[in-house]
C-alpha atoms as a PDB file:
ATOM      1  CA  MET A   1       0.000   0.000   0.000  1.00  0.00           C
ATOM      2  CA  ILE A   2       1.121   3.536  -0.786  1.00  0.00           C
ATOM      3  CA  PHE A   3      -0.380   6.690   0.670  1.00  0.00           C
ATOM      4  CA  PRO A   4      -0.730  10.138  -0.934  1.00  0.00           C
ATOM      5  CA  GLY A   5       0.539  13.447   0.363  1.00  0.00           C
ATOM      6  CA  GLN A   6      -0.616  17.028   0.165  1.00  0.00           C
ATOM      7  CA  ALA A   7      -2.531  18.249  -2.923  1.00  0.00           C
ATOM      8  CA  SER A   8      -4.703  15.124  -3.032  1.00  0.00           C
ATOM      9  CA  GLN A   9      -7.483  16.779  -1.004  1.00  0.00           C
ATOM     10  CA  VAL A  10     -10.915  17.260  -2.584  1.00  0.00           C
ATOM     11  CA  VAL A  11     -14.259  18.413  -1.206  1.00  0.00           C
ATOM     12  CA  GLY A  12     -16.375  15.370  -0.352  1.00  0.00           C
ATOM     13  CA  MET A  13     -13.378  13.212   0.601  1.00  0.00           C
ATOM     14  CA  GLY A  14     -14.277  10.381   2.958  1.00  0.00           C
ATOM     15  CA  ARG A  15     -17.978  11.228   3.129  1.00  0.00           C
ATOM     16  CA  ASP A  16     -19.167   7.926   1.630  1.00  0.00           C
ATOM     17  CA  LEU A  17     -16.882   5.955   3.949  1.00  0.00           C
ATOM     18  CA  ALA A  18     -18.384   7.783   6.910  1.00  0.00           C
ATOM     19  CA  ALA A  19     -21.913   7.022   5.732  1.00  0.00           C
ATOM     20  CA  ALA A  20     -21.117   3.342   5.188  1.00  0.00           C
ATOM     21  CA  GLY A  21     -20.346   2.810   8.868  1.00  0.00           C
ATOM     22  CA  GLY A  22     -18.051   0.028  10.038  1.00  0.00           C
ATOM     23  CA  ALA A  23     -14.567   0.745  11.342  1.00  0.00           C
ATOM     24  CA  ALA A  24     -14.047   3.572   8.853  1.00  0.00           C
ATOM     25  CA  GLY A  25     -17.285   5.277   9.821  1.00  0.00           C
ATOM     26  CA  ARG A  26     -16.550   4.947  13.534  1.00  0.00           C
ATOM     27  CA  PHE A  27     -13.094   6.451  13.098  1.00  0.00           C
ATOM     28  CA  LEU A  28     -14.316   9.388  11.013  1.00  0.00           C
ATOM     29  CA  ALA A  29     -17.025  10.056  13.611  1.00  0.00           C
ATOM     30  CA  GLU A  30     -14.254  10.502  16.212  1.00  0.00           C
ATOM     31  CA  VAL A  31     -11.969  12.774  14.178  1.00  0.00           C
ATOM     32  CA  ASP A  32     -13.443  16.114  15.247  1.00  0.00           C
ATOM     33  CA  THR A  33     -13.369  15.106  18.913  1.00  0.00           C
ATOM     34  CA  ILE A  34      -9.752  13.974  18.690  1.00  0.00           C
ATOM     35  CA  LEU A  35      -8.662  17.233  17.048  1.00  0.00           C
ATOM     36  CA  GLN A  36     -11.098  19.525  18.876  1.00  0.00           C
ATOM     37  CA  TYR A  37     -12.142  21.258  15.671  1.00  0.00           C
ATOM     38  CA  PRO A  38     -14.596  20.472  12.830  1.00  0.00           C
ATOM     39  CA  LEU A  39     -12.275  18.920  10.262  1.00  0.00           C
ATOM     40  CA  THR A  40     -14.861  16.535   8.814  1.00  0.00           C
ATOM     41  CA  ALA A  41     -17.191  19.411   7.879  1.00  0.00           C
ATOM     42  CA  LEU A  42     -14.356  20.813   5.752  1.00  0.00           C
ATOM     43  CA  MET A  43     -13.692  17.385   4.245  1.00  0.00           C
ATOM     44  CA  TYR A  44     -17.309  16.762   3.313  1.00  0.00           C
ATOM     45  CA  GLU A  45     -18.563  20.273   2.485  1.00  0.00           C
ATOM     46  CA  GLY A  46     -15.547  22.554   1.942  1.00  0.00           C
ATOM     47  CA  PRO A  47     -14.933  25.274   0.953  1.00  0.00           C
ATOM     48  CA  LEU A  48     -11.974  24.015  -1.066  1.00  0.00           C
ATOM     49  CA  GLU A  49      -9.885  27.118  -0.355  1.00  0.00           C
ATOM     50  CA  THR A  50     -10.016  26.464   3.387  1.00  0.00           C
ATOM     51  CA  LEU A  51      -9.592  22.701   2.996  1.00  0.00           C
ATOM     52  CA  THR A  52      -6.475  23.314   0.894  1.00  0.00           C
ATOM     53  CA  GLU A  53      -4.684  25.224   3.665  1.00  0.00           C
ATOM     54  CA  THR A  54      -1.774  23.090   4.812  1.00  0.00           C
ATOM     55  CA  ARG A  55      -3.020  22.934   8.399  1.00  0.00           C
ATOM     56  CA  ASN A  56      -6.323  21.458   7.175  1.00  0.00           C
ATOM     57  CA  ALA A  57      -5.308  19.479   4.094  1.00  0.00           C
ATOM     58  CA  GLN A  58      -2.754  17.350   5.915  1.00  0.00           C
ATOM     59  CA  PRO A  59      -5.003  15.931   8.661  1.00  0.00           C
ATOM     60  CA  ALA A  60      -7.867  15.596   6.153  1.00  0.00           C
ATOM     61  CA  ILE A  61      -5.803  13.429   3.819  1.00  0.00           C
ATOM     62  CA  LEU A  62      -4.564  11.342   6.730  1.00  0.00           C
ATOM     63  CA  ALA A  63      -8.108  10.877   8.093  1.00  0.00           C
ATOM     64  CA  HIS A  64      -9.382   9.732   4.691  1.00  0.00           C
ATOM     65  CA  SER A  65      -6.429   7.375   4.168  1.00  0.00           C
ATOM     66  CA  VAL A  66      -6.692   5.818   7.625  1.00  0.00           C
ATOM     67  CA  ALA A  67     -10.449   5.299   7.219  1.00  0.00           C
ATOM     68  CA  ALA A  68      -9.812   3.473   3.932  1.00  0.00           C
ATOM     69  CA  VAL A  69      -7.139   1.314   5.606  1.00  0.00           C
ATOM     70  CA  GLN A  70      -9.635   0.304   8.269  1.00  0.00           C
ATOM     71  CA  ALA A  71     -12.281  -0.510   5.679  1.00  0.00           C
ATOM     72  CA  LEU A  72      -9.774  -2.670   3.790  1.00  0.00           C
ATOM     73  CA  ALA A  73      -8.806  -4.476   6.992  1.00  0.00           C
ATOM     74  CA  GLU A  74     -12.457  -5.393   7.538  1.00  0.00           C
ATOM     75  CA  LEU A  75     -12.331  -7.081   4.118  1.00  0.00           C
ATOM     76  CA  GLY A  76      -9.238  -9.022   5.178  1.00  0.00           C
ATOM     77  CA  ILE A  77      -6.876  -6.904   3.040  1.00  0.00           C
ATOM     78  CA  GLU A  78      -3.663  -5.831   4.774  1.00  0.00           C
ATOM     79  CA  PRO A  79      -0.343  -4.640   3.320  1.00  0.00           C
ATOM     80  CA  SER A  80       2.885  -6.609   3.002  1.00  0.00           C
ATOM     81  CA  THR A  81       4.903  -3.384   2.695  1.00  0.00           C
ATOM     82  CA  VAL A  82       3.939   0.293   2.901  1.00  0.00           C
ATOM     83  CA  ALA A  83       5.192   3.741   1.954  1.00  0.00           C
ATOM     84  CA  GLY A  84       3.728   7.230   1.980  1.00  0.00           C
ATOM     85  CA  HIS A  85       4.593  10.433   0.148  1.00  0.00           C
ATOM     86  CA  SER A  86       5.530  13.122   2.696  1.00  0.00           C
ATOM     87  CA  LEU A  87       2.570  13.331   5.119  1.00  0.00           C
ATOM     88  CA  GLY A  88       1.441   9.985   3.655  1.00  0.00           C
ATOM     89  CA  GLU A  89       4.242   8.370   5.648  1.00  0.00           C
ATOM     90  CA  PHE A  90       2.115   8.922   8.760  1.00  0.00           C
ATOM     91  CA  SER A  91      -0.806   7.094   7.118  1.00  0.00           C
ATOM     92  CA  ALA A  92       1.613   4.290   6.256  1.00  0.00           C
ATOM     93  CA  ALA A  93       2.761   4.169   9.884  1.00  0.00           C
ATOM     94  CA  VAL A  94      -0.843   3.639  11.005  1.00  0.00           C
ATOM     95  CA  ALA A  95      -1.342   0.884   8.424  1.00  0.00           C
ATOM     96  CA  VAL A  96       1.496  -1.172   9.953  1.00  0.00           C
ATOM     97  CA  GLY A  97       0.747  -0.398  13.599  1.00  0.00           C
ATOM     98  CA  ALA A  98       3.647   1.941  14.320  1.00  0.00           C
ATOM     99  CA  LEU A  99       1.204   4.717  15.300  1.00  0.00           C
ATOM    100  CA  THR A 100      -2.410   4.658  16.376  1.00  0.00           C
ATOM    101  CA  PRO A 101      -4.881   6.620  14.251  1.00  0.00           C
ATOM    102  CA  GLN A 102      -5.304   9.066  17.126  1.00  0.00           C
ATOM    103  CA  GLN A 103      -1.567   9.642  17.490  1.00  0.00           C
ATOM    104  CA  ALA A 104      -1.158  10.184  13.759  1.00  0.00           C
ATOM    105  CA  LEU A 105      -4.044  12.654  13.571  1.00  0.00           C
ATOM    106  CA  VAL A 106      -2.659  14.803  16.375  1.00  0.00           C
ATOM    107  CA  LEU A 107       0.868  14.718  14.961  1.00  0.00           C
ATOM    108  CA  VAL A 108      -0.207  15.567  11.421  1.00  0.00           C
ATOM    109  CA  ARG A 109      -2.433  18.436  12.557  1.00  0.00           C
ATOM    110  CA  ARG A 110       0.549  19.817  14.485  1.00  0.00           C
ATOM    111  CA  ARG A 111       2.829  19.237  11.481  1.00  0.00           C
ATOM    112  CA  GLY A 112       0.426  21.089   9.185  1.00  0.00           C
ATOM    113  CA  GLU A 113       0.163  24.019  11.577  1.00  0.00           C
ATOM    114  CA  LEU A 114       3.939  24.310  11.908  1.00  0.00           C
ATOM    115  CA  MET A 115       4.450  24.145   8.148  1.00  0.00           C
ATOM    116  CA  PHE A 116       1.697  26.684   7.511  1.00  0.00           C
ATOM    117  CA  ASN A 117       3.145  29.068  10.112  1.00  0.00           C
ATOM    118  CA  ALA A 118       6.651  28.632   8.706  1.00  0.00           C
ATOM    119  CA  GLY A 119       5.384  29.699   5.295  1.00  0.00           C
ATOM    120  CA  GLN A 120       3.832  32.821   6.809  1.00  0.00           C
ATOM    121  CA  ALA A 121       6.971  33.736   8.742  1.00  0.00           C
ATOM    122  CA  ARG A 122       9.420  33.028   5.919  1.00  0.00           C
ATOM    123  CA  PRO A 123       7.664  32.918   2.543  1.00  0.00           C
ATOM    124  CA  GLY A 124       8.696  30.219   0.146  1.00  0.00           C
ATOM    125  CA  THR A 125       7.354  28.341  -2.841  1.00  0.00           C
ATOM    126  CA  MET A 126       7.762  25.192  -4.921  1.00  0.00           C
ATOM    127  CA  ALA A 127       7.770  24.256  -8.625  1.00  0.00           C
ATOM    128  CA  ALA A 128       7.508  20.974 -10.526  1.00  0.00           C
ATOM    129  CA  VAL A 129      10.144  20.263 -13.171  1.00  0.00           C
ATOM    130  CA  MET A 130       9.536  17.815 -16.016  1.00  0.00           C
ATOM    131  CA  GLY A 131      12.072  16.248 -18.346  1.00  0.00           C
ATOM    132  CA  LEU A 132      15.402  16.519 -16.509  1.00  0.00           C
ATOM    133  CA  GLU A 133      17.286  14.009 -14.381  1.00  0.00           C
ATOM    134  CA  ALA A 134      17.531  14.719 -10.673  1.00  0.00           C
ATOM    135  CA  GLY A 135      21.327  15.046 -10.796  1.00  0.00           C
ATOM    136  CA  VAL A 136      21.118  17.870 -13.333  1.00  0.00           C
ATOM    137  CA  VAL A 137      18.476  19.640 -11.258  1.00  0.00           C
ATOM    138  CA  ARG A 138      20.619  19.425  -8.120  1.00  0.00           C
ATOM    139  CA  GLU A 139      23.588  20.945  -9.954  1.00  0.00           C
ATOM    140  CA  VAL A 140      21.524  23.815 -11.355  1.00  0.00           C
ATOM    141  CA  CYS A 141      19.969  24.500  -7.930  1.00  0.00           C
ATOM    142  CA  ALA A 142      23.409  24.640  -6.325  1.00  0.00           C
ATOM    143  CA  ASP A 143      24.601  27.146  -8.928  1.00  0.00           C
ATOM    144  CA  VAL A 144      21.497  29.320  -8.622  1.00  0.00           C
ATOM    145  CA  ALA A 145      21.552  29.257  -4.813  1.00  0.00           C
ATOM    146  CA  ARG A 146      24.968  30.929  -4.748  1.00  0.00           C
ATOM    147  CA  GLN A 147      23.482  34.056  -6.349  1.00  0.00           C
ATOM    148  CA  HIS A 148      19.750  34.065  -5.629  1.00  0.00           C
ATOM    149  CA  GLY A 149      19.172  32.408  -2.257  1.00  0.00           C
ATOM    150  CA  SER A 150      17.924  29.043  -1.039  1.00  0.00           C
ATOM    151  CA  VAL A 151      16.568  26.574  -3.613  1.00  0.00           C
ATOM    152  CA  VAL A 152      16.839  22.788  -3.431  1.00  0.00           C
ATOM    153  CA  LEU A 153      15.425  19.624  -4.927  1.00  0.00           C
ATOM    154  CA  ALA A 154      12.518  18.773  -2.595  1.00  0.00           C
ATOM    155  CA  ASN A 155      10.853  15.747  -4.217  1.00  0.00           C
ATOM    156  CA  HIS A 156      12.361  13.177  -6.579  1.00  0.00           C
ATOM    157  CA  ASN A 157       9.080  11.715  -7.781  1.00  0.00           C
ATOM    158  CA  SER A 158      10.101   9.800 -10.914  1.00  0.00           C
ATOM    159  CA  GLU A 159      12.847   9.589 -13.513  1.00  0.00           C
ATOM    160  CA  THR A 160      11.533  12.727 -15.206  1.00  0.00           C
ATOM    161  CA  GLN A 161       9.646  14.612 -12.480  1.00  0.00           C
ATOM    162  CA  VAL A 162      11.206  16.486  -9.592  1.00  0.00           C
ATOM    163  CA  VAL A 163      10.061  19.388  -7.423  1.00  0.00           C
ATOM    164  CA  LEU A 164      12.025  22.474  -6.375  1.00  0.00           C
ATOM    165  CA  SER A 165      11.571  24.275  -3.072  1.00  0.00           C
ATOM    166  CA  GLY A 166      12.972  27.502  -1.687  1.00  0.00           C
ATOM    167  CA  GLU A 167      12.770  31.279  -1.650  1.00  0.00           C
ATOM    168  CA  PRO A 168      10.460  32.633  -4.389  1.00  0.00           C
ATOM    169  CA  GLY A 169      13.136  34.521  -6.295  1.00  0.00           C
ATOM    170  CA  ALA A 170      15.539  31.606  -6.193  1.00  0.00           C
ATOM    171  CA  VAL A 171      12.889  29.117  -7.351  1.00  0.00           C
ATOM    172  CA  ALA A 172      11.987  31.416 -10.260  1.00  0.00           C
ATOM    173  CA  ALA A 173      15.649  31.810 -11.233  1.00  0.00           C
ATOM    174  CA  ALA A 174      16.218  28.059 -11.005  1.00  0.00           C
ATOM    175  CA  GLY A 175      13.158  27.470 -13.183  1.00  0.00           C
ATOM    176  CA  GLU A 176      14.572  29.680 -15.935  1.00  0.00           C
ATOM    177  CA  ALA A 177      17.984  28.034 -15.671  1.00  0.00           C
ATOM    178  CA  LEU A 178      16.420  24.586 -15.871  1.00  0.00           C
ATOM    179  CA  LYS A 179      14.470  25.522 -19.002  1.00  0.00           C
ATOM    180  CA  THR A 180      17.756  26.588 -20.548  1.00  0.00           C
ATOM    181  CA  ALA A 181      19.253  23.255 -19.469  1.00  0.00           C
ATOM    182  CA  GLY A 182      16.503  21.371 -21.317  1.00  0.00           C
ATOM    183  CA  ALA A 183      13.562  21.017 -18.930  1.00  0.00           C
ATOM    184  CA  ARG A 184      10.368  20.264 -20.819  1.00  0.00           C
ATOM    185  CA  ARG A 185       8.239  22.219 -18.374  1.00  0.00           C
ATOM    186  CA  VAL A 186       8.529  24.106 -15.081  1.00  0.00           C
ATOM    187  CA  THR A 187       5.210  24.581 -13.261  1.00  0.00           C
ATOM    188  CA  PRO A 188       4.786  26.726 -10.132  1.00  0.00           C
ATOM    189  CA  LEU A 189       2.834  24.942  -7.388  1.00  0.00           C
ATOM    190  CA  ASN A 190       0.089  26.459  -5.260  1.00  0.00           C
ATOM    191  CA  VAL A 191       1.621  25.856  -1.822  1.00  0.00           C
ATOM    192  CA  SER A 192       1.984  27.927   1.331  1.00  0.00           C
ATOM    193  CA  GLY A 193       5.692  27.405   1.914  1.00  0.00           C
ATOM    194  CA  ALA A 194       9.011  25.902   0.876  1.00  0.00           C
ATOM    195  CA  PHE A 195       8.377  22.363   2.090  1.00  0.00           C
ATOM    196  CA  HIS A 196      11.222  19.850   2.357  1.00  0.00           C
ATOM    197  CA  SER A 197      13.819  22.604   2.333  1.00  0.00           C
ATOM    198  CA  PRO A 198      16.111  24.380   4.830  1.00  0.00           C
ATOM    199  CA  LEU A 199      13.468  27.117   5.189  1.00  0.00           C
ATOM    200  CA  LEU A 200      11.540  24.732   7.432  1.00  0.00           C
ATOM    201  CA  ALA A 201      14.399  24.181   9.874  1.00  0.00           C
ATOM    202  CA  GLU A 202      12.673  25.915  12.796  1.00  0.00           C
ATOM    203  CA  ALA A 203       9.403  24.079  12.195  1.00  0.00           C
ATOM    204  CA  ALA A 204      11.312  20.791  11.982  1.00  0.00           C
ATOM    205  CA  ALA A 205      13.009  21.462  15.318  1.00  0.00           C
ATOM    206  CA  GLU A 206       9.660  22.131  16.992  1.00  0.00           C
ATOM    207  CA  PHE A 207       8.065  19.082  15.413  1.00  0.00           C
ATOM    208  CA  ALA A 208      10.970  16.907  16.548  1.00  0.00           C
ATOM    209  CA  SER A 209       9.867  17.564  20.129  1.00  0.00           C
ATOM    210  CA  ASP A 210       6.355  16.342  19.352  1.00  0.00           C
ATOM    211  CA  LEU A 211       7.745  13.225  17.698  1.00  0.00           C
ATOM    212  CA  GLU A 212      10.064  12.547  20.627  1.00  0.00           C
ATOM    213  CA  ALA A 213       7.112  12.739  23.026  1.00  0.00           C
ATOM    214  CA  THR A 214       5.166  10.139  20.971  1.00  0.00           C
ATOM    215  CA  ASP A 215       5.527   6.386  21.445  1.00  0.00           C
ATOM    216  CA  PHE A 216       6.310   4.561  18.207  1.00  0.00           C
ATOM    217  CA  GLU A 217       5.839   0.798  17.942  1.00  0.00           C
ATOM    218  CA  ASP A 218       7.925  -1.334  15.601  1.00  0.00           C
ATOM    219  CA  PRO A 219       6.077  -1.629  12.261  1.00  0.00           C
ATOM    220  CA  ARG A 220       4.427  -5.016  11.695  1.00  0.00           C
ATOM    221  CA  GLN A 221       5.625  -4.906   8.076  1.00  0.00           C
ATOM    222  CA  PRO A 222       8.419  -2.881   6.473  1.00  0.00           C
ATOM    223  CA  LEU A 223       7.810   0.822   5.861  1.00  0.00           C
ATOM    224  CA  VAL A 224       9.927   2.428   3.138  1.00  0.00           C
ATOM    225  CA  ALA A 225      11.101   5.809   4.423  1.00  0.00           C
ATOM    226  CA  ASN A 226      11.027   9.096   2.488  1.00  0.00           C
ATOM    227  CA  VAL A 227      14.446  10.226   3.621  1.00  0.00           C
ATOM    228  CA  SER A 228      16.303   7.092   2.477  1.00  0.00           C
ATOM    229  CA  GLY A 229      14.105   5.206   0.016  1.00  0.00           C
ATOM    230  CA  ARG A 230      14.847   2.109   2.109  1.00  0.00           C
ATOM    231  CA  PRO A 231      12.740   0.053   4.544  1.00  0.00           C
ATOM    232  CA  VAL A 232      12.667   0.606   8.281  1.00  0.00           C
ATOM    233  CA  THR A 233      11.534  -2.053  10.746  1.00  0.00           C
ATOM    234  CA  ARG A 234      12.023  -0.270  14.078  1.00  0.00           C
ATOM    235  CA  GLY A 235       9.857   2.425  15.598  1.00  0.00           C
ATOM    236  CA  ALA A 236      12.856   4.470  16.717  1.00  0.00           C
ATOM    237  CA  GLU A 237      14.252   4.412  13.181  1.00  0.00           C
ATOM    238  CA  LEU A 238      10.916   5.570  11.777  1.00  0.00           C
ATOM    239  CA  ARG A 239      10.751   8.457  14.272  1.00  0.00           C
ATOM    240  CA  ALA A 240      14.295   9.533  13.379  1.00  0.00           C
ATOM    241  CA  GLY A 241      13.388   9.675   9.679  1.00  0.00           C
ATOM    242  CA  LEU A 242      10.241  11.679  10.350  1.00  0.00           C
ATOM    243  CA  LYS A 243      12.327  14.217  12.287  1.00  0.00           C
ATOM    244  CA  ARG A 244      14.441  14.785   9.174  1.00  0.00           C
ATOM    245  CA  GLN A 245      11.550  14.687   6.728  1.00  0.00           C
ATOM    246  CA  LEU A 246      10.516  18.383   6.761  1.00  0.00           C
ATOM    247  CA  THR A 247      13.932  19.590   5.600  1.00  0.00           C
ATOM    248  CA  SER A 248      14.965  16.563   3.508  1.00  0.00           C
ATOM    249  CA  PRO A 249      13.932  15.610  -0.034  1.00  0.00           C
ATOM    250  CA  VAL A 250      11.204  13.023  -0.548  1.00  0.00           C
ATOM    251  CA  LEU A 251      13.014  10.202  -2.368  1.00  0.00           C
ATOM    252  CA  TRP A 252       9.866   8.772  -3.901  1.00  0.00           C
ATOM    253  CA  HIS A 253      11.562   7.426  -7.029  1.00  0.00           C
ATOM    254  CA  ASP A 254      13.934   5.375  -4.843  1.00  0.00           C
ATOM    255  CA  THR A 255      11.002   4.317  -2.669  1.00  0.00           C
ATOM    256  CA  MET A 256       9.013   2.932  -5.599  1.00  0.00           C
ATOM    257  CA  ASN A 257      12.076   1.200  -7.024  1.00  0.00           C
ATOM    258  CA  TRP A 258      12.596  -0.586  -3.726  1.00  0.00           C
ATOM    259  CA  LEU A 259       8.915  -1.521  -3.418  1.00  0.00           C
ATOM    260  CA  VAL A 260       8.846  -3.073  -6.876  1.00  0.00           C
ATOM    261  CA  THR A 261      12.374  -4.457  -7.354  1.00  0.00           C
ATOM    262  CA  GLY A 262      14.170  -4.398  -3.996  1.00  0.00           C
ATOM    263  CA  GLN A 263      12.214  -7.062  -2.127  1.00  0.00           C
ATOM    264  CA  ALA A 264      12.592 -10.825  -2.203  1.00  0.00           C
ATOM    265  CA  TYR A 265       9.361 -10.981  -4.216  1.00  0.00           C
ATOM    266  CA  ARG A 266       7.851  -8.823  -6.946  1.00  0.00           C
ATOM    267  CA  PRO A 267       4.505  -7.331  -5.906  1.00  0.00           C
ATOM    268  CA  ARG A 268       1.665  -8.032  -8.309  1.00  0.00           C
ATOM    269  CA  ALA A 269      -0.591  -5.270  -6.944  1.00  0.00           C
ATOM    270  CA  ILE A 270      -0.069  -1.927  -5.213  1.00  0.00           C
ATOM    271  CA  LEU A 271      -2.982  -0.098  -3.621  1.00  0.00           C
ATOM    272  CA  GLU A 272      -2.950   3.701  -3.436  1.00  0.00           C
ATOM    273  CA  VAL A 273      -5.043   4.213  -0.312  1.00  0.00           C
ATOM    274  CA  GLY A 274      -6.752   7.553   0.280  1.00  0.00           C
ATOM    275  CA  PRO A 275      -7.861  10.411  -1.966  1.00  0.00           C
ATOM    276  CA  GLY A 276      -6.762  10.628  -5.595  1.00  0.00           C
ATOM    277  CA  THR A 277      -4.522   8.722  -7.998  1.00  0.00           C
ATOM    278  CA  VAL A 278      -1.409  10.918  -8.119  1.00  0.00           C
ATOM    279  CA  LEU A 279       1.037   8.221  -7.006  1.00  0.00           C
ATOM    280  CA  SER A 280      -0.451   5.522  -9.236  1.00  0.00           C
ATOM    281  CA  ASN A 281      -0.298   7.828 -12.247  1.00  0.00           C
ATOM    282  CA  LEU A 282       3.375   8.509 -11.543  1.00  0.00           C
ATOM    283  CA  ALA A 283       4.211   4.813 -11.330  1.00  0.00           C
ATOM    284  CA  ARG A 284       2.135   2.982 -13.940  1.00  0.00           C
ATOM    285  CA  ARG A 285       4.381   3.730 -16.900  1.00  0.00           C
ATOM    286  CA  ALA A 286       7.550   2.847 -14.993  1.00  0.00           C
ATOM    287  CA  TYR A 287       6.210  -0.460 -13.623  1.00  0.00           C
ATOM    288  CA  PRO A 288       3.861  -1.999 -16.217  1.00  0.00           C
ATOM    289  CA  GLU A 289       4.153  -5.429 -14.562  1.00  0.00           C
ATOM    290  CA  VAL A 290       2.349  -4.138 -11.441  1.00  0.00           C
ATOM    291  CA  THR A 291      -1.397  -3.530 -11.238  1.00  0.00           C
ATOM    292  CA  PHE A 292      -2.233  -0.312  -9.384  1.00  0.00           C
ATOM    293  CA  PHE A 293      -5.560   0.204  -7.639  1.00  0.00           C
ATOM    294  CA  ALA A 294      -6.907   3.435  -6.168  1.00  0.00           C
ATOM    295  CA  VAL A 295      -8.855   2.770  -2.968  1.00  0.00           C
ATOM    296  CA  GLY A 296     -10.571   5.828  -1.577  1.00  0.00           C
ATOM    297  CA  THR A 297     -14.314   5.275  -1.936  1.00  0.00           C
ATOM    298  CA  THR A 298     -16.915   2.650  -1.114  1.00  0.00           C
ATOM    299  CA  ASN A 299     -17.118   1.807  -4.833  1.00  0.00           C
ATOM    300  CA  ASP A 300     -13.370   1.143  -4.856  1.00  0.00           C
ATOM    301  CA  LEU A 301     -13.721  -1.149  -1.846  1.00  0.00           C
ATOM    302  CA  ALA A 302     -16.492  -3.095  -3.545  1.00  0.00           C
ATOM    303  CA  ALA A 303     -14.266  -3.762  -6.557  1.00  0.00           C
ATOM    304  CA  VAL A 304     -10.814  -4.272  -5.105  1.00  0.00           C
ATOM    305  CA  ARG A 305     -11.341  -7.510  -3.174  1.00  0.00           C
ATOM    306  CA  GLY A 306     -12.531  -9.402  -6.245  1.00  0.00           C
ATOM    307  CA  GLN A 307      -9.729  -7.952  -8.346  1.00  0.00           C
ATOM    308  CA  LEU A 308      -7.092  -8.967  -5.815  1.00  0.00           C
ATOM    309  CA  GLU A 309      -8.562 -12.462  -5.568  1.00  0.00           C
ATOM    310  CA  SER A 310      -8.254 -12.776  -9.366  1.00  0.00           C
ATOM    311  CA  ILE A 311      -4.597 -11.715  -9.217  1.00  0.00           C
ATOM    312  CA  VAL A 312      -3.868 -14.264  -6.483  1.00  0.00           C
ATOM    313  CA  ALA A 313      -5.659 -17.045  -8.381  1.00  0.00           C
ATOM    314  CA  ASP A 314      -3.717 -16.223 -11.552  1.00  0.00           C
ATOM    315  CA  ALA A 315      -0.411 -16.276  -9.662  1.00  0.00           C
ATOM    316  CA  GLU A 316      -1.254 -19.642  -8.105  1.00  0.00           C
ATOM    317  CA  ARG A 317      -2.192 -21.055 -11.515  1.00  0.00           C
ATOM    318  CA  ARG A 318       1.100 -19.882 -13.018  1.00  0.00           C
ATOM    319  CA  GLU A 319       3.043 -21.400 -10.141  1.00  0.00           C
ATOM    320  CA  LEU A 320       1.330 -24.765 -10.566  1.00  0.00           C
ATOM    321  CA  GLU A 321       1.979 -24.723 -14.312  1.00  0.00           C
ATOM    322  CA  ALA A 322       5.640 -23.945 -13.697  1.00  0.00           C
ATOM    323  CA  ARG A 323       5.918 -26.847 -11.244  1.00  0.00           C
ATOM    324  CA  ASP A 324       4.282 -29.209 -13.713  1.00  0.00           C
ATOM    325  CA  GLY A 325       6.630 -28.072 -16.478  1.00  0.00           C
ATOM    326  CA  ARG A 326       3.821 -26.740 -18.629  1.00  0.00           C
END
C-alpha cells in the first residue's frame, strides 16, 4: 500500500466511507473530537480554499487514508509493505501499527500548523520540473543558490519529475535556468511554503519535540522511508526519519524502485489508499508489470477484493503450471 501526500485533497473526501459505517465510519465520527475542531465538515462540504490550507489538508488526507485502511482491513486486506509520500508516511505508519490513528491525527495536525506558520513567517514556494534528471536539477539549484538564495530539490518523484523548493526569487531563477538546461516544463505549485527545504528548519526542530514525546511501535511490516528510500523495521528508526523529513527531499523514485524491485518478491498489486490517484499515475508507466488500484471510496472497496482475488488465483495457476513443467 502507498499513501498520498498534500494536494490530493478534494471536497467530499471520505464522506461515503463515513456514511457506510463500520470501522471507517466509527473512526471518522471521532476525528473532530480527537482534534477539537470540525475537520470533517471541511472534508465533506468545503470550501476548497479552506480545505487546501496546509493545516487542514494534511489531517484531512490522513483521516481519509486511515479510514480506507480500516475498511480494507475489515475485508481481510492488509499490506505486506507500505510507503507514503511526505505526510502519507504517517498514514503508512498507522497501516502497519507503528502509530495509532489518534496519534497520527494529532501529529499531522501539528505538522500542518507548523508548516503553515513557517510559510507565513518566511515565505517560500515550490515548482515541478519535467524532463530533466535529478542530478542535473541538483547541480543547477546549487549554482542558482549561490546568487539568488535558497533553492533545493525537494521531491524526486520519478525519472523525469522532480520538485524544487525555496525562496520565491531563487525558485523562479532556477526554473529559468532549468528551461535553458533542457527542462520540458517548469510549473509553479500552489503551496503555502518551501516544504522539504532548509526554510523549514525551525518548524522541523519544533516538530521533533512532538515526535520525541510520541511512542512509536515497531512496524508489523516494512515501511519504506522518504528520507532514504529504504525500509525501516524499528519504531525508533521511523521516528528519526520523520524528524528529518521536513527539511529533507522526498526520495519517492527510490522508494518505488525498492517496493517493486528491492524485495525478495515482486509485488503483483499496489494499492494507493486515500484520496486521488497521483502516485499511481506517476508509477504505472515505470512499472507496467504491477497492477495499481486506487482505494478511496466505497465503490473502490467493492471492486478491489474481487480484483485482488483474481490476481492471487492467476499467480497460483502460473506457479502450478511452472511446477508441472507446462
